[in-house]
Protein backbone atom coordinates (compact mmCIF):
# COMPACT_ATOMS: atom_id res chain seq x y z
CA UNK A 1 84.78 73.13 77.08
CA UNK A 2 83.25 76.52 77.84
CA UNK A 3 85.29 79.32 76.34
CA UNK A 4 86.90 81.16 79.28
CA UNK A 5 87.91 84.25 77.38
CA UNK A 6 86.29 86.97 75.32
CA UNK A 7 86.44 86.67 71.54
CA UNK A 8 89.31 89.14 71.20
CA UNK A 9 92.70 87.48 70.68
CA UNK A 10 95.31 87.38 73.41
CA UNK A 11 98.51 89.32 72.99
CA UNK A 12 101.32 87.55 74.85
CA UNK A 13 103.05 89.42 77.64
CA UNK A 14 106.23 91.08 76.41
CA UNK A 15 109.01 91.83 78.85
CA UNK A 16 112.52 93.11 78.34
CA UNK A 17 115.10 90.36 78.63
CA UNK A 18 116.85 89.90 81.95
CA UNK A 19 120.59 90.32 81.59
CA UNK A 20 122.40 87.10 82.30
CA UNK A 21 125.86 88.59 82.63
CA UNK A 22 125.22 90.28 85.95
CA UNK A 23 128.20 90.47 88.22
CA UNK A 24 127.57 88.63 91.46
CA UNK A 25 127.31 91.86 93.39
CA UNK A 26 124.94 93.62 90.99
CA UNK A 27 121.23 94.12 91.64
CA UNK A 28 118.81 92.80 88.99
CA UNK A 29 117.14 95.70 87.22
CA UNK A 30 113.35 95.74 86.98
CA UNK A 31 111.84 94.63 83.71
CA UNK A 32 110.01 97.61 82.14
CA UNK A 33 106.32 97.67 82.97
CA UNK A 34 103.79 97.50 80.18
CA UNK A 35 100.02 97.31 80.01
CA UNK A 36 98.87 94.21 78.18
CA UNK A 37 95.83 93.47 76.04
CA UNK A 38 95.09 89.91 77.17
CA UNK A 39 91.36 89.71 77.79
CA UNK A 40 89.83 88.63 81.12
CA UNK A 41 87.59 85.64 81.59
CA UNK A 42 84.13 86.34 80.17
CA UNK A 43 81.32 86.25 82.70
CA UNK A 44 77.96 84.77 81.63
CA UNK A 45 75.02 87.13 81.09
CA UNK A 46 72.56 86.93 83.97
CA UNK A 47 69.09 85.57 83.19
CA UNK A 48 66.47 86.04 85.94
CA UNK A 49 65.27 82.72 87.38
CA UNK A 50 61.66 81.71 86.90
CA UNK A 51 61.32 80.39 90.45
CA UNK A 52 61.42 82.01 93.87
CA UNK A 53 64.30 79.82 94.98
CA UNK A 54 67.06 81.61 96.92
CA UNK A 55 69.64 83.38 94.77
CA UNK A 56 73.02 81.65 95.08
CA UNK A 57 76.21 83.72 95.21
CA UNK A 58 79.59 81.99 95.22
CA UNK A 59 82.17 84.25 96.84
CA UNK A 60 85.72 83.11 95.97
CA UNK A 61 88.44 84.67 98.10
CA UNK A 62 92.22 84.65 97.78
CA UNK A 63 94.84 86.50 99.81
CA UNK A 64 98.57 87.13 100.17
CA UNK A 65 99.66 85.93 96.74
CA UNK A 66 103.04 87.68 97.08
CA UNK A 67 103.80 87.31 93.40
CA UNK A 68 103.32 83.54 93.09
CA UNK A 69 101.44 83.54 89.78
CA UNK A 70 103.42 80.57 88.47
CA UNK A 71 102.53 76.92 89.05
CA UNK A 72 104.99 75.26 91.40
CA UNK A 73 106.40 71.76 90.90
CA UNK A 74 107.92 69.14 93.19
CA UNK A 75 109.34 65.98 91.62
CA UNK A 76 108.42 62.53 92.93
CA UNK A 77 109.37 59.09 91.52
CA UNK A 78 105.89 58.60 90.05
CA UNK A 79 105.60 62.08 88.56
CA UNK A 80 105.46 65.78 89.34
CA UNK A 81 103.25 67.32 91.97
CA UNK A 82 101.98 70.60 90.47
CA UNK A 83 100.17 73.16 92.56
CA UNK A 84 99.33 76.84 92.86
CA UNK A 85 99.45 79.70 90.41
CA UNK A 86 97.10 81.49 88.04
CA UNK A 87 96.67 78.72 85.45
CA UNK A 88 95.60 76.19 88.09
CA UNK A 89 93.28 78.68 89.79
CA UNK A 90 91.65 79.31 86.39
CA UNK A 91 90.67 75.63 86.20
CA UNK A 92 89.00 75.74 89.62
CA UNK A 93 87.22 78.97 88.68
CA UNK A 94 85.92 77.37 85.51
CA UNK A 95 84.26 74.64 87.57
CA UNK A 96 82.68 77.16 89.94
CA UNK A 97 81.51 79.47 87.16
CA UNK A 98 79.91 76.60 85.27
CA UNK A 99 78.17 75.46 88.45
CA UNK A 100 76.84 78.94 89.20
CA UNK A 101 76.69 81.03 86.01
CA UNK A 102 76.60 84.76 86.71
CA UNK A 103 76.77 84.11 90.46
CA UNK A 104 80.54 84.03 91.15
CA UNK A 105 82.43 86.90 92.75
CA UNK A 106 86.24 86.73 92.70
CA UNK A 107 87.97 88.87 95.35
CA UNK A 108 91.46 89.20 96.81
CA UNK A 109 92.40 90.52 100.25
CA UNK A 110 95.70 92.15 99.29
CA UNK A 111 99.46 91.69 99.23
CA UNK A 112 99.41 90.79 95.55
CA UNK A 113 103.06 91.75 95.09
CA UNK A 114 106.52 91.22 96.60
CA UNK A 115 108.09 87.81 96.96
CA UNK A 116 109.14 86.38 93.60
CA UNK A 117 111.43 87.37 90.78
CA UNK A 118 108.41 87.36 88.47
CA UNK A 119 106.62 89.92 90.58
CA UNK A 120 109.54 92.05 91.70
CA UNK A 121 111.34 92.46 88.37
CA UNK A 122 108.06 93.67 86.82
CA UNK A 123 107.08 95.70 89.90
CA UNK A 124 103.86 93.68 90.07
CA UNK A 125 102.93 94.03 86.40
CA UNK A 126 102.93 90.26 85.81
CA UNK A 127 100.59 89.79 88.77
CA UNK A 128 98.11 92.35 87.47
CA UNK A 129 98.21 90.66 84.06
CA UNK A 130 97.30 87.35 85.71
CA UNK A 131 94.48 88.91 87.75
CA UNK A 132 93.11 90.62 84.64
CA UNK A 133 93.04 87.28 82.86
CA UNK A 134 91.29 85.53 85.75
CA UNK A 135 88.53 88.12 85.91
CA UNK A 136 88.94 89.45 89.45
CA UNK A 137 86.15 91.76 90.57
CA UNK A 138 88.21 93.64 93.18
CA UNK A 139 91.21 93.44 95.50
CA UNK A 140 92.12 95.32 98.64
CA UNK A 141 95.38 97.23 98.91
CA UNK A 142 97.84 95.40 101.17
CA UNK A 143 100.86 96.78 102.99
CA UNK A 144 103.22 95.19 100.46
CA UNK A 145 101.58 97.06 97.61
CA UNK A 146 103.70 100.01 98.82
CA UNK A 147 107.01 98.10 98.81
CA UNK A 148 108.19 99.02 95.33
CA UNK A 149 108.06 102.75 95.97
CA UNK A 150 109.07 104.81 92.89
CA UNK A 151 109.01 103.29 89.42
CA UNK A 152 112.44 101.80 88.76
CA UNK A 153 115.13 99.93 90.69
CA UNK A 154 115.06 102.10 93.84
CA UNK A 155 112.45 100.83 96.30
CA UNK A 156 112.65 103.58 98.92
CA UNK A 157 111.67 107.16 98.11
CA UNK A 158 114.76 108.70 99.70
CA UNK A 159 114.80 111.86 97.56
CA UNK A 160 112.11 114.58 97.32
CA UNK A 161 111.92 114.08 93.55
CA UNK A 162 110.92 110.42 93.97
CA UNK A 163 107.24 109.47 93.95
CA UNK A 164 106.79 106.89 96.73
CA UNK A 165 103.60 105.63 95.07
CA UNK A 166 104.89 105.54 91.49
CA UNK A 167 104.91 101.76 91.06
CA UNK A 168 101.53 101.34 92.80
CA UNK A 169 99.95 104.04 90.64
CA UNK A 170 101.15 102.20 87.53
CA UNK A 171 99.57 98.96 88.74
CA UNK A 172 96.27 100.67 89.59
CA UNK A 173 96.16 102.11 86.07
CA UNK A 174 97.01 98.73 84.55
CA UNK A 175 94.39 96.75 86.45
CA UNK A 176 91.01 96.02 84.84
CA UNK A 177 89.58 95.62 88.34
CA UNK A 178 89.69 98.13 91.23
CA UNK A 179 92.28 98.04 93.99
CA UNK A 180 90.26 99.23 96.97
CA UNK A 181 90.91 100.82 100.33
CA UNK A 182 88.53 103.19 102.11
CA UNK A 183 90.83 103.98 105.04
CA UNK A 184 93.85 105.63 103.36
CA UNK A 185 94.23 109.38 103.81
CA UNK A 186 96.80 112.09 103.28
CA UNK A 187 98.24 112.95 106.68
CA UNK A 188 98.58 116.63 105.83
CA UNK A 189 95.02 117.23 104.61
CA UNK A 190 92.95 114.34 105.94
CA UNK A 191 91.65 113.81 102.40
CA UNK A 192 91.90 110.73 100.21
CA UNK A 193 94.93 110.73 97.92
CA UNK A 194 94.05 111.85 94.40
CA UNK A 195 95.72 108.78 92.93
CA UNK A 196 93.25 106.49 94.71
CA UNK A 197 90.22 106.35 92.49
CA UNK A 198 86.77 106.75 94.04
CA UNK A 199 86.02 106.20 97.71
CA UNK A 200 87.45 102.70 97.96
CA UNK A 201 84.18 100.92 97.18
CA UNK A 202 82.21 99.66 94.18
CA UNK A 203 78.85 98.07 93.42
CA UNK A 204 78.69 95.13 91.01
CA UNK A 205 75.72 93.11 89.87
CA UNK A 206 75.61 89.35 90.25
CA UNK A 207 72.60 87.12 89.70
CA UNK A 208 70.31 90.15 89.75
CA UNK A 209 71.67 91.42 93.08
CA UNK A 210 73.58 94.62 93.69
CA UNK A 211 76.67 93.71 95.70
CA UNK A 212 78.66 96.45 97.41
CA UNK A 213 82.36 95.77 97.91
CA UNK A 214 84.86 97.90 99.82
CA UNK A 215 88.50 97.46 100.82
CA UNK A 216 90.46 98.12 103.99
CA UNK A 217 94.22 98.21 104.63
CA UNK A 218 95.78 97.31 107.97
CA UNK A 219 96.61 100.37 110.09
CA UNK A 220 99.90 98.55 110.86
CA UNK A 221 101.09 99.33 107.32
CA UNK A 222 103.73 101.93 108.34
CA UNK A 223 105.52 99.25 110.37
CA UNK A 224 105.19 96.44 107.81
CA UNK A 225 106.40 98.16 104.67
CA UNK A 226 109.26 100.61 104.22
CA UNK A 227 108.03 103.40 106.51
CA UNK A 228 109.50 106.12 104.29
CA UNK A 229 107.18 105.12 101.42
CA UNK A 230 104.01 105.75 103.44
CA UNK A 231 105.21 108.62 105.59
CA UNK A 232 102.67 110.99 104.01
CA UNK A 233 99.71 108.67 104.64
CA UNK A 234 97.39 107.89 107.53
CA UNK A 235 95.50 104.61 107.80
CA UNK A 236 92.13 104.87 109.54
CA UNK A 237 90.83 102.43 112.16
CA UNK A 238 89.08 99.42 110.68
CA UNK A 239 85.72 99.25 112.47
CA UNK A 240 84.63 102.90 112.01
CA UNK A 241 85.72 102.82 108.37
CA UNK A 242 83.81 99.58 107.77
CA UNK A 243 80.68 101.04 109.37
CA UNK A 244 80.82 104.15 107.20
CA UNK A 245 81.55 102.24 103.99
CA UNK A 246 78.73 99.77 104.61
CA UNK A 247 76.22 102.54 105.28
CA UNK A 248 77.19 104.44 102.13
CA UNK A 249 76.93 101.34 99.96
CA UNK A 250 73.49 100.46 101.26
CA UNK A 251 72.38 104.06 100.74
CA UNK A 252 73.51 103.68 97.13
CA UNK A 253 71.29 100.64 96.71
CA UNK A 254 73.56 97.71 97.57
CA UNK A 255 71.58 94.60 98.55
CA UNK A 256 74.66 92.98 100.10
CA UNK A 257 77.92 94.43 101.40
CA UNK A 258 81.20 92.49 101.34
CA UNK A 259 84.51 93.67 102.78
CA UNK A 260 87.93 92.71 101.41
CA UNK A 261 90.22 93.43 104.32
CA UNK A 262 93.99 93.27 104.39
CA UNK A 263 93.93 92.57 108.10
CA UNK A 264 93.41 89.11 109.52
CA UNK A 265 93.80 86.75 112.39
CA UNK A 266 94.21 83.04 112.81
CA UNK A 267 92.30 80.02 114.06
CA UNK A 268 93.77 76.70 115.10
CA UNK A 269 90.69 74.73 114.04
CA UNK A 270 88.20 75.24 111.22
CA UNK A 271 86.07 72.09 111.47
CA UNK A 272 83.17 73.92 113.09
CA UNK A 273 82.61 77.39 111.56
CA UNK A 274 80.56 78.46 114.59
CA UNK A 275 83.26 77.56 117.11
CA UNK A 276 85.83 80.37 117.40
CA UNK A 277 87.51 79.21 120.62
CA UNK A 278 90.75 78.43 118.77
CA UNK A 279 90.86 81.90 117.17
CA UNK A 280 92.93 84.84 118.37
CA UNK A 281 89.82 86.89 119.07
CA UNK A 282 91.60 89.40 121.30
CA UNK A 283 94.53 90.09 118.96
CA UNK A 284 93.48 89.38 115.39
CA UNK A 285 92.66 92.64 113.62
CA UNK A 286 89.72 91.25 111.67
CA UNK A 287 88.19 89.82 114.86
CA UNK A 288 88.61 93.13 116.68
CA UNK A 289 86.88 94.84 113.77
CA UNK A 290 83.99 92.40 113.66
CA UNK A 291 83.37 92.58 117.41
CA UNK A 292 83.04 96.36 117.16
CA UNK A 293 80.43 96.22 114.37
CA UNK A 294 76.70 95.67 114.91
CA UNK A 295 75.62 92.28 113.65
CA UNK A 296 74.44 92.51 110.04
CA UNK A 297 76.74 95.41 109.11
CA UNK A 298 78.52 93.11 106.64
CA UNK A 299 77.32 90.06 104.75
CA UNK A 300 80.77 88.49 104.26
CA UNK A 301 84.46 89.27 104.75
CA UNK A 302 87.51 88.12 102.81
CA UNK A 303 90.54 88.71 105.05
CA UNK A 304 94.31 88.46 104.65
CA UNK A 305 97.69 89.62 105.96
CA UNK A 306 98.40 86.95 108.60
CA UNK A 307 98.98 84.01 106.23
CA UNK A 308 96.71 81.91 108.43
CA UNK A 309 93.33 80.23 108.13
CA UNK A 310 89.91 81.51 109.15
CA UNK A 311 86.63 79.91 108.11
CA UNK A 312 84.14 81.03 110.73
CA UNK A 313 81.05 83.01 111.53
CA UNK A 314 82.20 86.04 113.51
CA UNK A 315 79.45 88.14 115.03
CA UNK A 316 77.10 86.36 112.65
CA UNK A 317 79.15 87.16 109.54
CA UNK A 318 81.11 84.59 107.48
CA UNK A 319 84.83 85.41 107.43
CA UNK A 320 87.41 83.55 105.35
CA UNK A 321 91.17 83.74 105.09
CA UNK A 322 93.48 81.11 103.60
CA UNK A 323 97.19 80.46 103.72
CA UNK A 324 99.46 82.35 101.37
CA UNK A 325 101.61 82.23 98.22
CA UNK A 326 98.99 81.31 95.64
CA UNK A 327 98.42 77.78 96.89
CA UNK A 328 94.97 78.10 98.51
CA UNK A 329 91.61 79.82 98.23
CA UNK A 330 88.34 79.98 100.12
CA UNK A 331 84.63 79.97 99.30
CA UNK A 332 81.56 81.46 100.95
CA UNK A 333 78.28 80.26 99.47
CA UNK A 334 75.58 82.83 100.19
CA UNK A 335 71.88 82.25 99.55
CA UNK A 336 69.68 85.33 99.31
CA UNK A 337 65.90 85.61 99.57
CA UNK A 338 64.84 87.07 96.17
CA UNK A 339 62.02 89.07 97.77
CA UNK A 340 63.67 90.57 100.85
CA UNK A 341 67.18 90.67 99.31
CA UNK A 342 68.52 89.39 102.65
CA UNK A 343 71.03 86.58 103.20
CA UNK A 344 69.55 83.36 104.57
CA UNK A 345 72.20 82.62 107.23
CA UNK A 346 71.11 79.05 107.84
CA UNK A 347 72.08 78.20 104.25
CA UNK A 348 75.50 79.92 104.26
CA UNK A 349 78.41 77.55 103.68
CA UNK A 350 82.05 78.40 104.47
CA UNK A 351 85.19 76.63 103.25
CA UNK A 352 88.69 78.08 103.56
CA UNK A 353 92.19 76.76 102.91
CA UNK A 354 91.21 74.83 99.76
CA UNK A 355 94.41 73.59 98.12
CA UNK A 356 95.05 74.60 94.51
CA UNK A 357 96.30 71.25 93.19
CA UNK A 358 96.74 70.26 89.57
CA UNK A 359 98.10 66.83 90.57
CA UNK A 360 97.86 65.01 93.89
CA UNK A 361 98.92 61.88 95.70
CA UNK A 362 96.23 59.32 94.90
CA UNK A 363 96.00 57.89 98.43
CA UNK A 364 95.84 61.16 100.37
CA UNK A 365 94.44 63.56 97.77
CA UNK A 366 97.16 66.00 98.86
CA UNK A 367 99.59 68.14 96.87
CA UNK A 368 101.49 69.25 99.98
CA UNK A 369 105.01 68.16 99.05
CA UNK A 370 106.33 68.86 102.53
CA UNK A 371 104.04 66.25 104.06
CA UNK A 372 104.54 63.72 101.28
CA UNK A 373 108.34 63.81 101.03
CA UNK A 374 108.85 61.42 103.98
CA UNK A 375 107.17 58.64 101.98
CA UNK A 376 108.16 59.79 98.51
CA UNK A 377 108.42 56.25 97.13
CA UNK A 378 104.82 55.55 98.12
CA UNK A 379 103.39 58.63 96.41
CA UNK A 380 101.35 57.96 93.28
CA UNK A 381 100.77 61.17 91.36
CA UNK A 382 97.37 61.51 89.64
CA UNK A 383 95.33 64.46 88.32
CA UNK A 384 93.44 66.40 90.97
CA UNK A 385 89.64 66.55 91.01
CA UNK A 386 87.36 69.31 92.28
CA UNK A 387 83.60 68.91 92.62
CA UNK A 388 83.83 65.76 90.51
CA UNK A 389 85.77 67.43 87.70
CA UNK A 390 89.37 66.76 86.66
CA UNK A 391 91.65 69.76 87.13
CA UNK A 392 94.05 70.77 84.39
CA UNK A 393 96.01 74.02 84.30
CA UNK A 394 94.30 76.42 81.91
CA UNK A 395 96.37 76.46 78.73
CA UNK A 396 95.32 79.96 77.66
CA UNK A 397 96.36 81.53 80.96
CA UNK A 398 99.60 79.53 80.95
CA UNK A 399 100.38 80.58 77.37
CA UNK A 400 99.70 84.25 78.10
CA UNK A 401 102.09 84.24 81.06
CA UNK A 402 104.74 81.93 79.53
CA UNK A 403 106.90 84.66 77.93
CA UNK A 404 107.27 86.41 81.27
CA UNK A 405 108.21 83.14 82.97
CA UNK A 406 110.80 82.38 80.32
CA UNK A 407 112.41 85.82 80.65
CA UNK A 408 112.97 85.27 84.37
CA UNK A 409 113.94 81.59 84.20
CA UNK A 410 117.60 82.22 83.39
CA UNK A 411 118.06 84.38 86.46
CA UNK A 412 115.96 82.03 88.56
CA UNK A 413 118.17 79.03 87.76
CA UNK A 414 121.56 80.80 87.77
CA UNK A 415 123.93 78.60 89.78
CA UNK A 416 125.96 80.29 92.50
CA UNK A 417 128.53 77.54 92.96
CA UNK A 418 127.43 77.03 96.57
CA UNK A 419 125.91 73.92 98.11
CA UNK A 420 123.37 73.49 100.90
CA UNK A 421 124.10 70.04 102.40
CA UNK A 422 120.92 69.91 104.51
CA UNK A 423 117.67 71.88 104.25
CA UNK A 424 117.68 75.13 106.23
CA UNK A 425 114.26 76.00 107.56
CA UNK A 426 112.60 79.05 109.09
CA UNK A 427 110.82 79.28 112.42
CA UNK A 428 108.77 82.35 113.23
CA UNK A 429 108.42 81.60 116.94
CA UNK A 430 111.94 80.37 117.76
CA UNK A 431 115.50 80.53 116.48
CA UNK A 432 115.89 78.75 113.17
CA UNK A 433 118.68 77.15 111.18
CA UNK A 434 118.09 79.50 108.26
CA UNK A 435 117.81 82.63 110.39
CA UNK A 436 120.93 81.87 112.40
CA UNK A 437 122.96 81.03 109.30
CA UNK A 438 122.00 84.28 107.56
CA UNK A 439 122.57 86.36 110.70
CA UNK A 440 126.02 84.83 111.11
CA UNK A 441 126.81 85.65 107.48
CA UNK A 442 125.66 89.26 107.88
CA UNK A 443 127.75 89.71 111.02
CA UNK A 444 130.88 88.25 109.39
CA UNK A 445 130.32 90.12 106.13
CA UNK A 446 130.12 93.49 107.91
CA UNK A 447 132.62 92.69 110.68
CA UNK A 448 129.91 93.55 113.19
CA UNK A 449 129.46 92.53 116.81
CA UNK A 450 125.77 91.67 116.43
CA UNK A 451 123.36 90.98 113.55
CA UNK A 452 119.59 91.22 113.74
CA UNK A 453 116.97 89.91 111.28
CA UNK A 454 113.18 90.11 111.44
CA UNK A 455 111.69 86.60 110.98
CA UNK A 456 108.99 87.87 108.62
CA UNK A 457 111.72 88.91 106.18
CA UNK A 458 112.60 85.26 105.53
CA UNK A 459 110.02 84.16 103.00
CA UNK A 460 111.00 80.59 102.09
CA UNK A 461 113.02 77.68 103.41
CA UNK A 462 116.30 76.80 101.70
CA UNK A 463 116.28 73.38 100.06
CA UNK A 464 119.31 71.11 100.04
CA UNK A 465 121.47 70.84 96.94
CA UNK A 466 123.22 73.35 94.67
CA UNK A 467 122.08 76.88 95.47
CA UNK A 468 120.58 79.03 92.71
CA UNK A 469 120.02 82.74 92.69
CA UNK A 470 116.28 82.15 92.44
CA UNK A 471 116.22 80.04 95.60
CA UNK A 472 118.06 82.70 97.60
CA UNK A 473 115.79 85.35 96.10
CA UNK A 474 112.73 83.48 97.38
CA UNK A 475 114.27 83.49 100.86
CA UNK A 476 115.17 87.21 100.71
CA UNK A 477 112.93 88.88 98.10
CA UNK A 478 113.04 92.35 99.63
CA UNK A 479 115.53 94.83 98.23
CA UNK A 480 116.72 95.88 101.68
CA UNK A 481 120.00 97.72 102.07
CA UNK A 482 122.56 96.74 104.71
CA UNK A 483 122.21 99.15 107.64
CA UNK A 484 124.72 99.46 110.48
CA UNK A 485 124.25 101.04 113.90
CA UNK A 486 126.89 102.14 116.40
CA UNK A 487 125.17 101.65 119.78
CA UNK A 488 126.11 101.71 123.42
CA UNK A 489 125.33 98.66 125.49
CA UNK A 490 122.43 100.54 127.07
CA UNK A 491 121.03 101.49 123.65
CA UNK A 492 121.39 97.89 122.55
CA UNK A 493 119.27 96.85 125.53
CA UNK A 494 116.52 99.24 124.50
CA UNK A 495 116.68 97.99 120.90
CA UNK A 496 116.43 94.32 121.86
CA UNK A 497 113.62 95.02 124.34
CA UNK A 498 111.61 96.64 121.53
CA UNK A 499 112.44 93.89 119.02
CA UNK A 500 111.51 90.96 121.23
CA UNK A 501 108.72 92.78 123.07
CA UNK A 502 106.52 93.27 120.01
CA UNK A 503 104.28 90.76 118.28
CA UNK A 504 106.56 90.11 115.32
CA UNK A 505 107.88 86.71 116.28
CA UNK A 506 111.35 85.83 117.54
CA UNK A 507 113.97 87.96 115.83
CA UNK A 508 116.86 86.00 114.35
CA UNK A 509 120.30 87.13 115.47
CA UNK A 510 124.02 86.48 115.72
CA UNK A 511 126.52 87.45 118.38
CA UNK A 512 124.14 87.11 121.32
CA UNK A 513 122.53 84.67 123.70
CA UNK A 514 118.98 85.62 124.63
CA UNK A 515 116.49 84.55 127.31
CA UNK A 516 112.80 85.03 126.49
CA UNK A 517 109.40 84.45 127.98
CA UNK A 518 107.39 81.87 126.08
CA UNK A 519 104.49 84.18 125.22
CA UNK A 520 104.77 87.62 123.61
CA UNK A 521 104.58 90.62 125.90
CA UNK A 522 106.35 93.99 126.21
CA UNK A 523 108.66 92.52 128.85
CA UNK A 524 109.34 89.30 127.01
CA UNK A 525 113.12 89.85 126.94
CA UNK A 526 114.36 88.41 130.22
CA UNK A 527 118.08 88.66 129.65
CA UNK A 528 120.84 88.73 127.03
CA UNK A 529 124.61 88.45 126.83
CA UNK A 530 127.43 87.98 124.39
CA UNK A 531 128.24 84.37 123.42
CA UNK A 532 129.54 82.33 126.34
CA UNK A 533 127.61 84.43 128.84
CA UNK A 534 129.90 87.50 128.69
CA UNK A 535 127.95 90.50 129.93
CA UNK A 536 127.15 93.50 127.76
CA UNK A 537 128.91 96.64 128.99
CA UNK A 538 126.32 99.46 129.11
CA UNK A 539 129.00 102.04 128.26
CA UNK A 540 130.84 100.10 125.53
CA UNK A 541 130.07 100.58 121.81
CA UNK A 542 128.72 97.74 119.67
CA UNK A 543 128.41 97.57 115.89
CA UNK A 544 124.99 96.17 114.93
CA UNK A 545 124.01 95.18 111.38
CA UNK A 546 120.41 94.75 110.18
CA UNK A 547 118.22 95.27 107.08
CA UNK A 548 117.43 98.93 106.50
CA UNK A 549 113.74 98.07 106.85
CA UNK A 550 114.38 97.64 110.56
CA UNK A 551 116.76 100.59 110.77
CA UNK A 552 114.08 102.81 109.22
CA UNK A 553 111.63 101.82 111.97
CA UNK A 554 109.94 98.74 110.53
CA UNK A 555 108.33 96.06 112.72
CA UNK A 556 107.69 98.57 115.48
CA UNK A 557 111.28 99.74 116.02
CA UNK A 558 110.54 103.35 115.07
CA UNK A 559 110.05 104.72 118.62
CA UNK A 560 113.28 103.29 120.01
CA UNK A 561 115.31 104.26 116.93
CA UNK A 562 114.07 107.84 117.30
CA UNK A 563 115.99 108.03 120.59
CA UNK A 564 119.35 107.22 118.95
CA UNK A 565 121.69 109.87 117.58
CA UNK A 566 121.11 110.05 113.79
CA UNK A 567 124.84 109.96 113.10
CA UNK A 568 124.98 106.54 114.80
CA UNK A 569 122.64 105.00 112.20
CA UNK A 570 123.89 104.30 108.66
CA UNK A 571 120.95 103.25 106.46
CA UNK A 572 123.22 101.96 103.70
CA UNK A 573 121.97 104.37 101.03
CA UNK A 574 125.46 104.72 99.57
CA UNK A 575 126.14 100.98 99.31
CA UNK A 576 126.46 99.63 95.78
CA UNK A 577 123.85 96.90 96.11
CA UNK A 578 121.33 95.29 98.46
CA UNK A 579 121.56 92.82 101.33
CA UNK A 580 120.67 89.79 99.23
CA UNK A 581 123.32 90.44 96.58
CA UNK A 582 125.95 91.36 99.16
CA UNK A 583 125.30 87.96 100.74
CA UNK A 584 125.68 86.30 97.32
CA UNK A 585 129.11 87.91 96.94
CA UNK A 586 130.06 86.93 100.49
CA UNK A 587 129.01 83.29 99.98
CA UNK A 588 130.84 83.04 96.66
CA UNK A 589 134.03 84.56 98.06
CA UNK A 590 133.98 82.32 101.12
CA UNK A 591 133.38 79.18 99.01
CA UNK A 592 131.94 77.15 101.87
CA UNK A 593 128.73 75.11 102.07
CA UNK A 594 125.82 76.75 103.86
CA UNK A 595 125.25 74.78 107.04
CA UNK A 596 123.15 75.30 110.15
CA UNK A 597 125.01 76.78 113.13
CA UNK A 598 124.82 75.04 116.47
CA UNK A 599 121.43 75.78 118.08
CA UNK A 600 120.91 77.18 121.56
CA UNK A 601 120.95 80.95 121.09
CA UNK A 602 117.44 81.31 122.53
CA UNK A 603 116.37 80.01 125.92
CA UNK A 604 112.70 80.08 126.91
CA UNK A 605 112.38 80.43 130.65
CA UNK A 606 108.77 79.29 131.09
CA UNK A 607 109.09 75.91 129.40
CA UNK A 608 106.20 73.84 128.17
CA UNK A 609 103.40 76.34 128.65
CA UNK A 610 100.84 77.11 125.97
CA UNK A 611 99.93 80.70 125.23
CA UNK A 612 96.26 81.58 125.06
CA UNK A 613 94.81 82.10 121.59
CA UNK A 614 94.91 85.85 122.07
CA UNK A 615 98.49 85.84 123.34
CA UNK A 616 100.06 83.74 120.63
CA UNK A 617 102.77 85.21 118.51
CA UNK A 618 101.58 86.94 115.38
CA UNK A 619 102.81 84.48 112.77
CA UNK A 620 102.40 86.97 109.95
CA UNK A 621 105.25 86.23 107.58
CA UNK A 622 104.41 89.18 105.42
CA UNK A 623 106.43 91.81 107.21
CA UNK A 624 109.61 92.77 105.34
């Protein structure tokens, strides 16, 4: 087997132990961050070809990892399905690098962090370690890269002495690859922040070609991270920034220019890469960017942010995005004329949404446990194969990350003494069993009239069986505080109009009955009342509970919240712990199974209609 690593020995990751004696209401403290010496995958030395055949570049793109560096396992009678994570990705990369020595580029489109205990307790350090090992060439900065705020347990920079970029700066310094964004500026000066190295672009050499790479971050970032952490920043528009970055790179001698963009879209079908009719061309940020650029500005794009799939030529340029959480990747095969240094578009091959499977069901070739569970007895687990090669999780990567996994395992598996009789699932475009159950718990816990949750804040379904802290953490990984608002009925109407009138899915709630239009629009909210149809009194006061992310203006609520009296909004800064751990205490004190409430809180008035591709709900599950 080809040696994947440099000759220097690996030093295992060392992390401070996670305290197991936490009281149920206490917040887990971050594991101290350290910079590790594990060496990245060694890239072959390029040797010029002796023929004039096109130069082959293999562009490998990942996106929206959200901390899932570990391999995931689902048990079946015939064995374990294993999928996702850094060690499995390393095996796929080995195949591709052996097929195309010196011609592979490994890029990520952002949102590396936020979503797992492994990532959050190390403030992303474990993720950077994994990316260093895998030999990433570059990654764009996603909105969730700002979530951790200052170094330490406080995630929101609420005091002037706190550095809102402290944790991100530490990760940038730790990374052996650049985290790129050309469109981030200081609001006060219009200049790039000093802590962002360079101009957000690099040039690397692959197979004798100079490849320019630049990053972009969604301008929506202030509404999809804690707004307070990015209050001093401005995020430039995508298309003009892409045009400028491309021109500068070509002036510096780049033969090709590739963008890694934390801004995406979605397509319902990917069978024909030239057919974009199923794509949200009028709403997807990456599509809006590409339509505004002259054809040929970019040679390829790796996109992210929407947790959806794209594998298409857009304005003549190949664009890929795959689903999230470390389970998929995409490939663009580019072939370049060695004389003109131009891409031969007729030879370009696109493939997105490739599953990262270590084992699969023999009959279907799938490692999607959700689809296989219905016929679990018929599943025969066998090793996965990729390009004719058997896949096996890379032992060196697994060994390097194992100490970090072990440190977190005790907290991950800590039993809460609570059962979940039936699975509780999410739904981004409708009310859901999980969302309604959690909203009910928040309302009861805070003795509120109404509870409101953003659907993007629910990051995993809740499986049936005994509940562990790790499972609840995966559902609610954000360290949001519990915020309460004292609103008049009229103010409540304005709040709900803003919540349901944006493109952030169907908010989950308790204490209301809501009527909505099927498709998103500013006037989507058609009516609302208290349970049983009791009307809201415009002059009465109502106590509303929500995550502080929303109360600070997240998911587009900033403008309406700015109209409320500040003394009516309690952001929860003085509370002893966060929303997730307050819910743990509430569940343990109540000592009742977690069951789905009766459905029927949401009524869609225009039944049965299909929204156009451009009018579909933004199914981005990345918003806190």
